[in-house]
Structure formats: structure tokens, C-alpha cells
Amino acid sequence: MFDASSLAKTPYKKENWTAEQLTEFALCVDPDTGPQYFMSNFFYIQHSTQGKMLYQPFEYQKKLIDTYHNYRFSIAMMPRQSGKSTSAAGYLLWYAMFVPDSTVLIAAHKFDGAQEIMTRVRYAYELCPDHIRAGATNYNKGSIEFENGSRIVSATTTENTGRGMSISLLYCDEFAFVRPTIASEFWTSIAPTLATGGKAIITSTPNSDEDQFALLWKGANKLEDSHGNPQEVGINGFRPYRSYWNEHPDRDDAWAADMKAQLGEDRFLREICCLAGNSLVDIKFTTGEIRRISINQLEQMLRL
């Protein structure tokens, strides 16, 4: 039987480093620029068509990583296939390896989603050079424990996920697609565990205007205090981040037209344009009439 732990670095091993390796490690440890340096130099990903490649973040992804890092609570609304989960995997790996005694919890709306993110984390970890990666004391599909006392744990989002844990960093993937009752109970349960200083990163494409993700997103975008003064975070403490499909350098109007033909108008607006529920859009009908309607109304019309 194949032993996955054989791919991990042996913990507590004495090593001899060159001056260059010591410099590289120090740059990764840097509390300000460490995440960007680590991900641009040592974070490898599996591209869907190009295979193994070094992560080369686009400008909007660099801003996303900075948002993850510089704010205690962040929430990102982004299109499908925009690299939000991949960017998160790299940041979570950096955090666990370079912030000792941390507990990182990955909560995804489906079991397969949680496992997929852990697969990306493990893939990147296994390709890190030994002078950069931490030794692993426990290494399996659902969790990794490092010699520095940190660990990464993955789980499906349920009402009790994370209850009783002392969480340093929570990552919620595609949070808008967690069943509303579960998402609400989960957030009620998990929020107190972050009260001692833990960080939270939430990412998703939108699903409705009334789910827990939508409520957190709306609160994050109320960027004024009680006196009307502008502030960097919303009234709920979250820093909002939004990216658009055309910020990806490989996506143009022709790409959008092809996606719209594949997905249909309503799914294109939700999955790619990040519009959902009561969001208003201008629709041009075959008669030439242009009417402003909500996404909900559009979906109802398309069902007729």
C-alpha cells in the first residue's frame, strides 16, 4: 500500500543551508511580504492544460492575497474559475508553515470541495524545497500537522464544524452554496471561536440575496462608521474584495460570448458576472426593447 507520508519532509531533521537558502527562508518568514514571495517563488499548481507550473498571480490575485493577509476578516466575491481557491490554498500553506502553533480550518460546502483544496495544498507542499517547507508530523488526505505546532484541517461545512476548536485561520470556500440553515448555524457556532484573535477568509460566487454569505457581504460593504466617516472594513469587521471576469488577461468579449452560449444568460450573470437575486441588469429583447429586471425575474422568464 502506498504511504502518502513518504512524500512529506521528515520532522526535526538537522540541515545545512547555504547563504542563499537562508535568505530565501528569511524572505518567506517576513510577516509583511512573506506570502507574496513564497507564492511567487515556491508555490506550484496543477494547471488544467499546462500541468505543473509555478503560480504566477495576475494583478487581481495579488490584491486578493494582500486582502487575505492584511485584514483579520476578509470576504471575496469572485467569478467561477478565477483562482480564488488556488490562491487560498497557497496562502493557507504559507500561514501554517510560517506562523507557528496555528490551526487552519478549511470548510467547504461539499466534502469533495474540501478534499480538492487539501489536494492543492499537499501538491504544493510536496514540491517545496526542503529548506522552505516545514517537517510534517502527521500527513494524510484530510489534515497535515507540522513540526512547528501548526496544522491544516479540512471539513465539510455543517452546523458544528469547528465547534470546540481554537482556530487561528478559518477559510470558507463557496460559502454562498452552503444550505442557508446550515450556513447560519455554522457561523453562529464558529464566530465565538475566532473571538480570541483568529482570522477568517470567506470566498464565493453569489447564490442569493438572503443567504449567510450575502448578509456578510452586505455588512462588509457598509464602509462608514456611525458618524459617516469612511473606514477600511465594513460594520461587521470584514474587508470586502471584488474582482471581475475581464480582469483575467486571457478573457475578452469573445470568451464571454462563448461562456454565455454555454451557460445561458442567467447562469452567466450569476457564475461569471457575480450577479444574483435582486441584482438589476439591463436585458435587450429580440424586439429591441431594453428592460431593467432582477436576476430572479430573469430566471423566472427563462423557465417559461
Protein backbone atom coordinates (compact mmCIF):
# COMPACT_ATOMS: atom_id res chain seq x y z
CA MET A 1 0.00 0.00 0.00
CA PHE A 2 1.29 3.47 -0.92
CA ASP A 3 2.25 5.59 2.08
CA ALA A 4 1.42 9.26 1.40
CA SER A 5 3.52 10.31 4.39
CA SER A 6 6.63 9.30 2.44
CA LEU A 7 6.14 12.47 0.37
CA ALA A 8 6.38 14.69 3.44
CA LYS A 9 9.56 16.12 4.90
CA THR A 10 10.88 14.29 7.96
CA PRO A 11 10.37 16.49 11.04
CA TYR A 12 13.04 17.69 13.45
CA LYS A 13 15.82 16.96 10.99
CA LYS A 14 19.12 18.85 11.19
CA GLU A 15 20.03 20.59 7.94
CA ASN A 16 22.88 22.59 6.48
CA TRP A 17 21.76 25.58 4.44
CA THR A 18 23.65 27.78 2.02
CA ALA A 19 23.58 31.55 2.44
CA GLU A 20 21.16 31.76 -0.49
CA GLN A 21 18.79 29.23 1.08
CA LEU A 22 18.88 31.10 4.39
CA THR A 23 17.99 34.33 2.59
CA GLU A 24 15.11 32.65 0.77
CA PHE A 25 13.76 31.25 4.03
CA ALA A 26 14.03 34.64 5.71
CA LEU A 27 12.09 36.24 2.85
CA CYS A 28 9.32 33.66 3.26
CA VAL A 29 9.14 34.30 7.01
CA ASP A 30 8.81 38.07 6.56
CA PRO A 31 5.46 38.99 8.17
CA ASP A 32 4.70 41.67 5.59
CA THR A 33 5.87 40.35 2.23
CA GLY A 34 6.31 36.66 3.02
CA PRO A 35 3.07 35.36 1.43
CA GLN A 36 3.66 37.05 -1.92
CA TYR A 37 7.32 35.99 -2.02
CA PHE A 38 6.57 32.38 -1.07
CA MET A 39 3.72 32.01 -3.56
CA SER A 40 5.62 33.63 -6.44
CA ASN A 41 8.75 31.52 -5.90
CA PHE A 42 7.80 28.19 -4.30
CA PHE A 43 4.07 27.61 -4.78
CA TYR A 44 3.44 25.13 -7.60
CA ILE A 45 0.00 24.38 -9.01
CA GLN A 46 -1.53 21.92 -11.46
CA HIS A 47 -2.86 23.91 -14.39
CA SER A 48 -5.78 22.29 -16.22
CA THR A 49 -3.97 22.34 -19.58
CA GLN A 50 -0.33 23.19 -18.81
CA GLY A 51 0.19 20.76 -15.94
CA LYS A 52 2.75 21.57 -13.26
CA MET A 53 3.65 25.25 -13.17
CA LEU A 54 4.85 27.88 -10.73
CA TYR A 55 2.00 30.08 -9.53
CA GLN A 56 2.14 33.35 -11.43
CA PRO A 57 -0.52 35.61 -9.92
CA PHE A 58 -2.34 38.16 -12.02
CA GLU A 59 -2.72 41.65 -10.59
CA TYR A 60 -6.18 40.97 -9.19
CA GLN A 61 -4.86 37.82 -7.48
CA LYS A 62 -2.01 39.77 -5.89
CA LYS A 63 -4.59 42.17 -4.47
CA LEU A 64 -6.65 39.21 -3.27
CA ILE A 65 -3.67 37.70 -1.42
CA ASP A 66 -2.90 41.06 0.18
CA THR A 67 -6.52 41.25 1.33
CA TYR A 68 -6.28 37.76 2.81
CA HIS A 69 -3.12 38.73 4.66
CA ASN A 70 -3.64 42.31 5.76
CA TYR A 71 -7.13 42.06 7.22
CA ARG A 72 -8.30 39.90 10.07
CA PHE A 73 -11.64 39.23 8.38
CA SER A 74 -11.99 39.29 4.59
CA ILE A 75 -14.78 38.30 2.23
CA ALA A 76 -14.31 37.99 -1.53
CA MET A 77 -16.96 37.80 -4.24
CA MET A 78 -15.36 36.45 -7.40
CA PRO A 79 -16.35 34.71 -10.65
CA ARG A 80 -16.02 30.99 -11.16
CA GLN A 81 -12.57 29.76 -12.23
CA SER A 82 -10.85 32.98 -11.19
CA GLY A 83 -8.25 31.31 -8.97
CA LYS A 84 -9.73 32.19 -5.58
CA SER A 85 -9.44 28.64 -4.17
CA THR A 86 -5.96 28.14 -5.62
CA SER A 87 -4.78 31.45 -4.17
CA ALA A 88 -6.30 30.49 -0.83
CA ALA A 89 -4.53 27.11 -0.86
CA GLY A 90 -1.16 28.83 -1.28
CA TYR A 91 -1.85 31.35 1.45
CA LEU A 92 -3.08 28.69 3.88
CA LEU A 93 0.05 26.62 3.29
CA TRP A 94 2.26 29.66 3.87
CA TYR A 95 0.36 30.53 7.04
CA ALA A 96 0.64 27.06 8.56
CA MET A 97 4.34 26.71 7.77
CA PHE A 98 5.45 30.18 8.85
CA VAL A 99 3.08 31.08 11.70
CA PRO A 100 3.84 28.56 14.46
CA ASP A 101 1.16 26.92 16.61
CA SER A 102 -1.64 27.81 14.21
CA THR A 103 -4.79 25.84 13.48
CA VAL A 104 -6.07 26.39 9.94
CA LEU A 105 -9.56 25.10 9.20
CA ILE A 106 -10.79 24.65 5.62
CA ALA A 107 -14.60 24.46 5.47
CA ALA A 108 -16.14 23.76 2.06
CA HIS A 109 -19.78 23.35 1.09
CA LYS A 110 -19.14 19.77 -0.07
CA PHE A 111 -16.75 17.02 1.04
CA ASP A 112 -15.22 16.91 -2.46
CA GLY A 113 -14.57 20.64 -2.30
CA ALA A 114 -12.68 20.38 0.99
CA GLN A 115 -10.64 17.47 -0.36
CA GLU A 116 -9.85 19.36 -3.56
CA ILE A 117 -8.37 22.28 -1.64
CA MET A 118 -6.34 19.89 0.53
CA THR A 119 -5.09 18.20 -2.65
CA ARG A 120 -3.79 21.56 -3.86
CA VAL A 121 -2.16 22.22 -0.50
CA ARG A 122 -0.46 18.81 -0.46
CA TYR A 123 0.65 19.11 -4.10
CA ALA A 124 2.29 22.47 -3.39
CA TYR A 125 3.83 21.25 -0.15
CA GLU A 126 5.40 18.20 -1.79
CA LEU A 127 7.05 20.38 -4.44
CA CYS A 128 8.52 22.87 -1.97
CA PRO A 129 12.28 22.52 -1.48
CA ASP A 130 13.26 21.16 1.93
CA HIS A 131 14.81 24.42 3.12
CA ILE A 132 11.41 26.10 2.67
CA ARG A 133 8.85 23.52 3.77
CA ALA A 134 8.25 22.53 7.36
CA GLY A 135 8.63 18.94 8.51
CA ALA A 136 5.33 17.07 8.88
CA THR A 137 4.50 15.05 11.98
CA ASN A 138 1.20 13.82 10.51
CA TYR A 139 0.33 13.77 6.82
CA ASN A 140 -2.89 12.47 5.26
CA LYS A 141 -5.72 13.43 2.90
CA GLY A 142 -7.77 15.36 5.43
CA SER A 143 -5.13 17.06 7.55
CA ILE A 144 -1.46 17.96 7.90
CA GLU A 145 0.38 18.61 11.16
CA PHE A 146 3.74 20.37 11.13
CA GLU A 147 6.76 20.29 13.41
CA ASN A 148 6.19 23.96 14.31
CA GLY A 149 2.93 23.05 16.07
CA SER A 150 0.65 24.21 13.24
CA ARG A 151 -1.93 22.11 11.44
CA ILE A 152 -4.31 22.33 8.49
CA VAL A 153 -7.64 20.52 8.83
CA SER A 154 -10.35 20.18 6.16
CA ALA A 155 -14.05 19.52 6.71
CA THR A 156 -17.48 19.80 5.13
CA THR A 157 -19.42 22.80 6.43
CA THR A 158 -22.04 21.64 8.94
CA GLU A 159 -23.74 23.28 11.90
CA ASN A 160 -20.98 22.00 14.22
CA THR A 161 -17.87 22.21 12.06
CA GLY A 162 -15.06 23.75 14.08
CA ARG A 163 -17.02 23.84 17.33
CA GLY A 164 -14.62 23.49 20.24
CA MET A 165 -11.54 24.17 18.12
CA SER A 166 -9.15 27.03 18.77
CA ILE A 167 -8.98 28.37 15.21
CA SER A 168 -6.20 30.68 14.05
CA LEU A 169 -7.39 30.93 10.44
CA LEU A 170 -10.74 29.87 9.00
CA TYR A 171 -11.23 29.52 5.26
CA CYS A 172 -14.78 29.08 3.93
CA ASP A 173 -14.94 28.10 0.25
CA GLU A 174 -18.06 28.77 -1.90
CA PHE A 175 -19.89 29.77 1.24
CA ALA A 176 -22.97 31.02 -0.64
CA PHE A 177 -23.72 27.45 -1.70
CA VAL A 178 -23.87 26.02 1.81
CA ARG A 179 -27.52 25.31 2.64
CA PRO A 180 -28.86 28.51 4.27
CA THR A 181 -29.93 26.94 7.58
CA ILE A 182 -26.57 25.18 7.91
CA ALA A 183 -24.59 28.31 6.97
CA SER A 184 -26.41 30.41 9.55
CA GLU A 185 -25.94 27.86 12.33
CA PHE A 186 -22.32 27.29 11.31
CA TRP A 187 -21.49 30.99 11.50
CA THR A 188 -23.27 31.33 14.84
CA SER A 189 -21.22 28.40 16.14
CA ILE A 190 -17.86 29.34 14.64
CA ALA A 191 -17.78 33.11 15.31
CA PRO A 192 -17.04 32.74 19.06
CA THR A 193 -14.02 30.53 18.29
CA LEU A 194 -12.49 33.47 16.38
CA ALA A 195 -13.11 35.94 19.20
CA THR A 196 -9.64 35.43 20.69
CA GLY A 197 -7.92 36.81 17.58
CA GLY A 198 -8.49 34.26 14.82
CA LYS A 199 -8.67 35.28 11.17
CA ALA A 200 -11.43 34.42 8.70
CA ILE A 201 -11.36 34.29 4.90
CA ILE A 202 -14.63 33.73 3.04
CA THR A 203 -14.85 33.39 -0.74
CA SER A 204 -17.72 32.59 -3.08
CA THR A 205 -19.63 33.38 -6.18
CA PRO A 206 -23.07 34.69 -5.22
CA ASN A 207 -26.14 32.49 -4.95
CA SER A 208 -28.94 34.60 -3.49
CA ASP A 209 -29.52 37.91 -1.72
CA GLU A 210 -30.57 36.38 1.57
CA ASP A 211 -28.05 33.64 2.44
CA GLN A 212 -25.34 33.99 5.09
CA PHE A 213 -22.71 34.91 2.51
CA ALA A 214 -24.94 37.69 1.16
CA LEU A 215 -25.57 39.05 4.65
CA LEU A 216 -21.86 39.13 5.45
CA TRP A 217 -21.10 40.69 2.05
CA LYS A 218 -23.65 43.46 2.57
CA GLY A 219 -22.29 44.22 6.03
CA ALA A 220 -18.74 44.29 4.70
CA ASN A 221 -19.70 46.89 2.09
CA LYS A 222 -21.11 49.33 4.64
CA LEU A 223 -17.81 51.15 4.87
CA GLU A 224 -18.77 54.07 7.12
CA ASP A 225 -18.79 54.33 10.88
CA SER A 226 -21.74 55.61 12.90
CA HIS A 227 -20.63 59.19 12.19
CA GLY A 228 -20.45 58.71 8.42
CA ASN A 229 -16.66 58.58 8.29
CA PRO A 230 -15.15 56.19 5.72
CA GLN A 231 -13.36 53.09 7.05
CA GLU A 232 -11.46 50.20 5.51
CA VAL A 233 -13.70 47.46 6.89
CA GLY A 234 -17.47 47.11 6.99
CA ILE A 235 -19.70 47.38 10.04
CA ASN A 236 -19.20 43.64 10.65
CA GLY A 237 -15.40 43.91 10.60
CA PHE A 238 -14.95 42.29 7.17
CA ARG A 239 -12.88 43.76 4.38
CA PRO A 240 -14.71 43.21 1.06
CA TYR A 241 -12.89 42.26 -2.14
CA ARG A 242 -14.48 42.05 -5.56
CA SER A 243 -12.95 41.01 -8.88
CA TYR A 244 -14.46 40.90 -12.36
CA TRP A 245 -14.14 38.34 -15.14
CA ASN A 246 -12.43 40.77 -17.53
CA GLU A 247 -9.56 41.37 -15.09
CA HIS A 248 -8.23 37.97 -16.17
CA PRO A 249 -5.85 38.75 -19.06
CA ASP A 250 -6.98 35.69 -21.07
CA ARG A 251 -10.69 36.63 -21.03
CA ASP A 252 -12.19 39.03 -23.53
CA ASP A 253 -15.57 39.68 -25.12
CA ALA A 254 -15.23 36.61 -27.35
CA TRP A 255 -14.59 34.44 -24.30
CA ALA A 256 -17.61 35.96 -22.56
CA ALA A 257 -19.83 35.34 -25.58
CA ASP A 258 -18.74 31.70 -25.69
CA MET A 259 -19.40 31.26 -21.96
CA LYS A 260 -22.79 32.90 -22.26
CA ALA A 261 -23.70 30.49 -25.06
CA GLN A 262 -22.63 27.53 -22.91
CA LEU A 263 -24.18 28.61 -19.62
CA GLY A 264 -27.20 30.63 -20.67
CA GLU A 265 -27.94 34.24 -19.72
CA ASP A 266 -28.97 33.71 -16.10
CA ARG A 267 -26.12 31.36 -15.15
CA PHE A 268 -23.59 33.58 -16.95
CA LEU A 269 -24.74 36.56 -14.90
CA ARG A 270 -24.54 34.61 -11.64
CA GLU A 271 -21.42 32.47 -12.17
CA ILE A 272 -19.30 34.89 -14.21
CA CYS A 273 -20.65 38.38 -13.52
CA CYS A 274 -21.37 37.66 -9.83
CA LEU A 275 -24.92 38.95 -10.02
CA ALA A 276 -27.69 37.17 -8.16
CA GLY A 277 -31.12 37.53 -6.63
CA ASN A 278 -32.28 41.14 -6.66
CA SER A 279 -29.30 42.44 -8.65
CA LEU A 280 -30.60 44.55 -11.53
CA VAL A 281 -29.41 44.08 -15.11
CA ASP A 282 -30.36 45.61 -18.44
CA ILE A 283 -31.69 42.99 -20.87
CA LYS A 284 -32.19 43.70 -24.58
CA PHE A 285 -35.03 41.65 -26.03
CA THR A 286 -35.31 40.50 -29.65
CA THR A 287 -37.85 43.29 -30.21
CA GLY A 288 -35.14 45.84 -29.44
CA GLU A 289 -36.71 46.76 -26.10
CA ILE A 290 -34.28 47.20 -23.21
CA ARG A 291 -35.73 46.44 -19.80
CA ARG A 292 -34.10 46.57 -16.37
CA ILE A 293 -35.02 43.48 -14.36
CA SER A 294 -33.66 41.47 -11.44
CA ILE A 295 -31.82 38.18 -11.80
CA ASN A 296 -34.75 36.46 -10.06
CA GLN A 297 -37.16 37.86 -12.66
CA LEU A 298 -34.85 36.82 -15.48
CA GLU A 299 -34.69 33.25 -14.18
CA GLN A 300 -38.46 33.11 -13.93
CA MET A 301 -38.82 34.36 -17.50
CA LEU A 302 -36.34 31.77 -18.80
CA ARG A 303 -38.30 28.98 -17.14
CA LEU A 304 -41.48 29.90 -19.03
